[in-house]
N, C-alpha and C. Protein backbone atom coordinates (compact mmCIF):
# COMPACT_ATOMS: atom_id res chain seq x y z
N UNK A 1 -8.25 -9.59 -13.33
CA UNK A 1 -7.33 -10.24 -12.43
C UNK A 1 -7.96 -11.53 -11.91
N UNK A 2 -7.19 -12.59 -11.92
CA UNK A 2 -7.66 -13.88 -11.42
C UNK A 2 -7.19 -14.04 -9.98
N UNK A 3 -8.12 -14.33 -9.10
CA UNK A 3 -7.78 -14.58 -7.70
C UNK A 3 -8.08 -16.03 -7.40
N UNK A 4 -7.07 -16.74 -6.96
CA UNK A 4 -7.24 -18.15 -6.62
C UNK A 4 -7.62 -18.26 -5.15
N UNK A 5 -8.47 -19.17 -4.79
CA UNK A 5 -8.96 -19.27 -3.41
C UNK A 5 -7.82 -19.46 -2.42
N UNK A 6 -6.74 -20.14 -2.83
CA UNK A 6 -5.64 -20.39 -1.90
C UNK A 6 -4.76 -19.16 -1.70
N UNK A 7 -4.97 -18.08 -2.49
CA UNK A 7 -4.21 -16.85 -2.32
C UNK A 7 -4.94 -15.85 -1.43
N UNK A 8 -6.15 -16.16 -1.04
CA UNK A 8 -6.94 -15.25 -0.22
C UNK A 8 -6.72 -15.58 1.24
N UNK A 9 -6.37 -14.58 2.01
CA UNK A 9 -6.18 -14.76 3.44
C UNK A 9 -7.00 -13.70 4.15
N UNK A 10 -7.92 -14.13 4.97
CA UNK A 10 -8.74 -13.21 5.75
C UNK A 10 -8.41 -13.38 7.21
N UNK A 11 -8.26 -12.28 7.90
CA UNK A 11 -8.03 -12.30 9.33
C UNK A 11 -8.88 -11.21 9.97
N UNK A 12 -9.21 -11.39 11.22
CA UNK A 12 -9.93 -10.37 11.97
C UNK A 12 -8.88 -9.56 12.72
N UNK A 13 -8.91 -8.25 12.56
CA UNK A 13 -7.98 -7.37 13.26
C UNK A 13 -8.78 -6.35 14.06
N UNK A 14 -8.12 -5.71 14.98
CA UNK A 14 -8.78 -4.73 15.84
C UNK A 14 -8.05 -3.41 15.73
N UNK A 15 -8.82 -2.32 15.70
CA UNK A 15 -8.25 -0.99 15.66
C UNK A 15 -8.04 -0.51 17.09
N UNK A 16 -6.84 0.06 17.37
CA UNK A 16 -6.61 0.56 18.73
C UNK A 16 -7.20 1.96 18.89
N UNK A 17 -7.02 2.53 20.06
CA UNK A 17 -7.59 3.84 20.38
C UNK A 17 -7.08 4.97 19.51
N UNK A 18 -5.92 4.78 18.89
CA UNK A 18 -5.34 5.80 18.01
C UNK A 18 -5.66 5.53 16.54
N UNK A 19 -6.50 4.53 16.27
CA UNK A 19 -6.90 4.23 14.90
C UNK A 19 -5.93 3.34 14.15
N UNK A 20 -4.98 2.74 14.84
CA UNK A 20 -3.99 1.89 14.18
C UNK A 20 -4.49 0.45 14.10
N UNK A 21 -4.14 -0.20 12.99
CA UNK A 21 -4.47 -1.60 12.78
C UNK A 21 -3.16 -2.34 12.51
N UNK A 22 -2.94 -3.43 13.18
CA UNK A 22 -1.75 -4.24 12.97
C UNK A 22 -2.02 -5.23 11.85
N UNK A 23 -1.17 -5.20 10.83
CA UNK A 23 -1.28 -6.16 9.74
C UNK A 23 -0.42 -7.36 10.12
N UNK A 24 -1.02 -8.54 10.24
CA UNK A 24 -0.25 -9.72 10.64
C UNK A 24 0.93 -10.00 9.70
N UNK A 25 1.99 -10.57 10.26
CA UNK A 25 3.21 -10.80 9.48
C UNK A 25 2.97 -11.69 8.26
N UNK A 26 2.03 -12.65 8.34
CA UNK A 26 1.75 -13.50 7.18
C UNK A 26 1.32 -12.66 5.98
N UNK A 27 0.61 -11.58 6.24
CA UNK A 27 0.16 -10.70 5.16
C UNK A 27 1.25 -9.71 4.76
N UNK A 28 1.98 -9.17 5.73
CA UNK A 28 3.01 -8.16 5.45
C UNK A 28 4.14 -8.72 4.61
N UNK A 29 4.52 -9.96 4.84
CA UNK A 29 5.68 -10.55 4.17
C UNK A 29 5.60 -10.48 2.64
N UNK A 30 4.43 -10.64 2.10
CA UNK A 30 4.29 -10.67 0.64
C UNK A 30 4.05 -9.32 0.00
N UNK A 31 4.02 -8.25 0.78
CA UNK A 31 3.73 -6.94 0.22
C UNK A 31 4.98 -6.30 -0.39
N UNK A 32 4.81 -5.62 -1.53
CA UNK A 32 5.97 -5.02 -2.19
C UNK A 32 6.43 -3.70 -1.56
N UNK A 33 5.66 -3.16 -0.63
CA UNK A 33 5.98 -1.84 -0.09
C UNK A 33 5.38 -1.68 1.30
N UNK A 34 5.92 -0.73 2.04
CA UNK A 34 5.35 -0.40 3.35
C UNK A 34 4.36 0.74 3.24
N UNK A 35 4.29 1.39 2.09
CA UNK A 35 3.38 2.52 1.88
C UNK A 35 2.10 2.01 1.23
N UNK A 36 0.97 2.47 1.74
CA UNK A 36 -0.32 1.95 1.29
C UNK A 36 -1.26 3.08 0.87
N UNK A 37 -2.22 2.72 0.04
CA UNK A 37 -3.34 3.59 -0.30
C UNK A 37 -4.55 3.01 0.41
N UNK A 38 -5.25 3.84 1.15
CA UNK A 38 -6.44 3.43 1.87
C UNK A 38 -7.65 4.05 1.18
N UNK A 39 -8.58 3.21 0.75
CA UNK A 39 -9.80 3.69 0.09
C UNK A 39 -11.00 3.23 0.89
N UNK A 40 -11.96 4.14 1.06
CA UNK A 40 -13.21 3.81 1.74
C UNK A 40 -14.32 3.82 0.70
N UNK A 41 -15.07 2.75 0.65
CA UNK A 41 -16.19 2.65 -0.27
C UNK A 41 -17.38 2.12 0.51
N UNK A 42 -18.30 3.00 0.83
CA UNK A 42 -19.43 2.61 1.66
C UNK A 42 -18.93 2.18 3.03
N UNK A 43 -19.24 0.96 3.41
CA UNK A 43 -18.79 0.41 4.70
C UNK A 43 -17.47 -0.34 4.59
N UNK A 44 -16.93 -0.45 3.37
CA UNK A 44 -15.71 -1.23 3.15
C UNK A 44 -14.47 -0.34 3.11
N UNK A 45 -13.35 -0.92 3.51
CA UNK A 45 -12.06 -0.26 3.42
C UNK A 45 -11.14 -1.17 2.63
N UNK A 46 -10.44 -0.60 1.64
CA UNK A 46 -9.50 -1.34 0.81
C UNK A 46 -8.11 -0.75 1.04
N UNK A 47 -7.17 -1.60 1.34
CA UNK A 47 -5.79 -1.19 1.59
C UNK A 47 -4.92 -1.82 0.50
N UNK A 48 -4.28 -0.97 -0.32
CA UNK A 48 -3.46 -1.46 -1.44
C UNK A 48 -2.05 -0.92 -1.32
N UNK A 49 -1.04 -1.78 -1.47
CA UNK A 49 0.34 -1.30 -1.39
C UNK A 49 0.71 -0.47 -2.62
N UNK A 50 1.45 0.61 -2.38
CA UNK A 50 2.02 1.38 -3.49
C UNK A 50 3.28 0.66 -3.95
N UNK A 51 3.62 0.79 -5.23
CA UNK A 51 4.89 0.22 -5.67
C UNK A 51 6.04 0.87 -4.89
N UNK A 52 7.05 0.11 -4.56
CA UNK A 52 8.20 0.64 -3.84
C UNK A 52 9.02 1.50 -4.80
N UNK A 53 9.18 2.80 -4.50
CA UNK A 53 9.95 3.66 -5.42
C UNK A 53 11.38 3.19 -5.62
N UNK A 54 11.93 2.47 -4.65
CA UNK A 54 13.30 1.96 -4.79
C UNK A 54 13.40 0.94 -5.92
N UNK A 55 12.26 0.30 -6.24
CA UNK A 55 12.28 -0.69 -7.32
C UNK A 55 12.46 0.00 -8.68
N UNK A 56 12.23 1.31 -8.75
CA UNK A 56 12.38 2.05 -10.00
C UNK A 56 13.79 2.59 -10.19
N UNK A 57 14.60 2.49 -9.14
CA UNK A 57 15.95 3.04 -9.18
C UNK A 57 16.74 2.42 -10.34
N UNK A 58 17.27 3.28 -11.17
CA UNK A 58 18.05 2.82 -12.31
C UNK A 58 17.24 2.59 -13.57
N UNK A 59 15.92 2.47 -13.45
CA UNK A 59 15.07 2.23 -14.63
C UNK A 59 14.74 3.54 -15.34
N UNK A 60 14.61 4.60 -14.57
CA UNK A 60 14.22 5.90 -15.11
C UNK A 60 15.15 6.97 -14.56
N UNK A 61 15.28 8.04 -15.30
CA UNK A 61 16.07 9.16 -14.82
C UNK A 61 15.13 10.06 -14.00
N UNK A 62 15.23 9.92 -12.69
CA UNK A 62 14.36 10.66 -11.79
C UNK A 62 15.25 11.48 -10.87
N UNK A 63 14.96 12.77 -10.80
CA UNK A 63 15.75 13.64 -9.93
C UNK A 63 15.02 13.81 -8.60
N UNK A 64 15.79 13.91 -7.54
CA UNK A 64 15.21 14.15 -6.23
C UNK A 64 15.48 13.00 -5.28
N UNK A 65 15.23 13.28 -4.01
CA UNK A 65 15.44 12.26 -2.97
C UNK A 65 14.31 11.24 -3.00
N UNK A 66 14.53 10.11 -2.35
CA UNK A 66 13.48 9.09 -2.24
C UNK A 66 12.25 9.68 -1.55
N UNK A 67 12.47 10.50 -0.55
CA UNK A 67 11.34 11.12 0.17
C UNK A 67 10.51 11.96 -0.79
N UNK A 68 11.15 12.75 -1.66
CA UNK A 68 10.44 13.58 -2.63
C UNK A 68 9.69 12.70 -3.63
N UNK A 69 10.31 11.63 -4.06
CA UNK A 69 9.67 10.71 -5.01
C UNK A 69 8.44 10.07 -4.37
N UNK A 70 8.54 9.67 -3.11
CA UNK A 70 7.39 9.09 -2.40
C UNK A 70 6.27 10.11 -2.27
N UNK A 71 6.60 11.37 -1.96
CA UNK A 71 5.58 12.41 -1.84
C UNK A 71 4.89 12.64 -3.18
N UNK A 72 5.68 12.66 -4.27
CA UNK A 72 5.10 12.83 -5.61
C UNK A 72 4.17 11.66 -5.94
N UNK A 73 4.56 10.46 -5.54
CA UNK A 73 3.74 9.27 -5.76
C UNK A 73 2.41 9.40 -5.02
N UNK A 74 2.45 9.87 -3.77
CA UNK A 74 1.22 10.06 -3.00
C UNK A 74 0.30 11.07 -3.67
N UNK A 75 0.88 12.19 -4.12
CA UNK A 75 0.05 13.21 -4.79
C UNK A 75 -0.60 12.66 -6.05
N UNK A 76 0.14 11.86 -6.81
CA UNK A 76 -0.41 11.28 -8.04
C UNK A 76 -1.58 10.35 -7.72
N UNK A 77 -1.46 9.55 -6.67
CA UNK A 77 -2.54 8.65 -6.28
C UNK A 77 -3.76 9.45 -5.84
N UNK A 78 -3.56 10.49 -5.07
CA UNK A 78 -4.69 11.30 -4.59
C UNK A 78 -5.37 12.04 -5.74
N UNK A 79 -4.61 12.46 -6.74
CA UNK A 79 -5.20 13.16 -7.89
C UNK A 79 -6.11 12.23 -8.69
N UNK A 80 -5.70 10.97 -8.83
CA UNK A 80 -6.52 10.07 -9.65
C UNK A 80 -7.76 9.61 -8.90
N UNK A 81 -7.74 9.80 -7.55
CA UNK A 81 -8.83 9.54 -6.65
C UNK A 81 -9.86 8.66 -7.11
């Protein structure tokens, strides 16, 4: 993957007492989904958006509610760990 310097945006954020971090709107706007995978590697944390299951609607014959599809997606990500 090629990353161009002008596509990189770094901001300092703070975690609140409940462990929540606010993602600034400049970063949220370009994300394809509201669901994320959080990975911890040593001292680093990587947050990656999951593909939006609604974007698959009509492309594949998938049975079940969106909620069930999202849960299946989460399980698949955790299995590949």
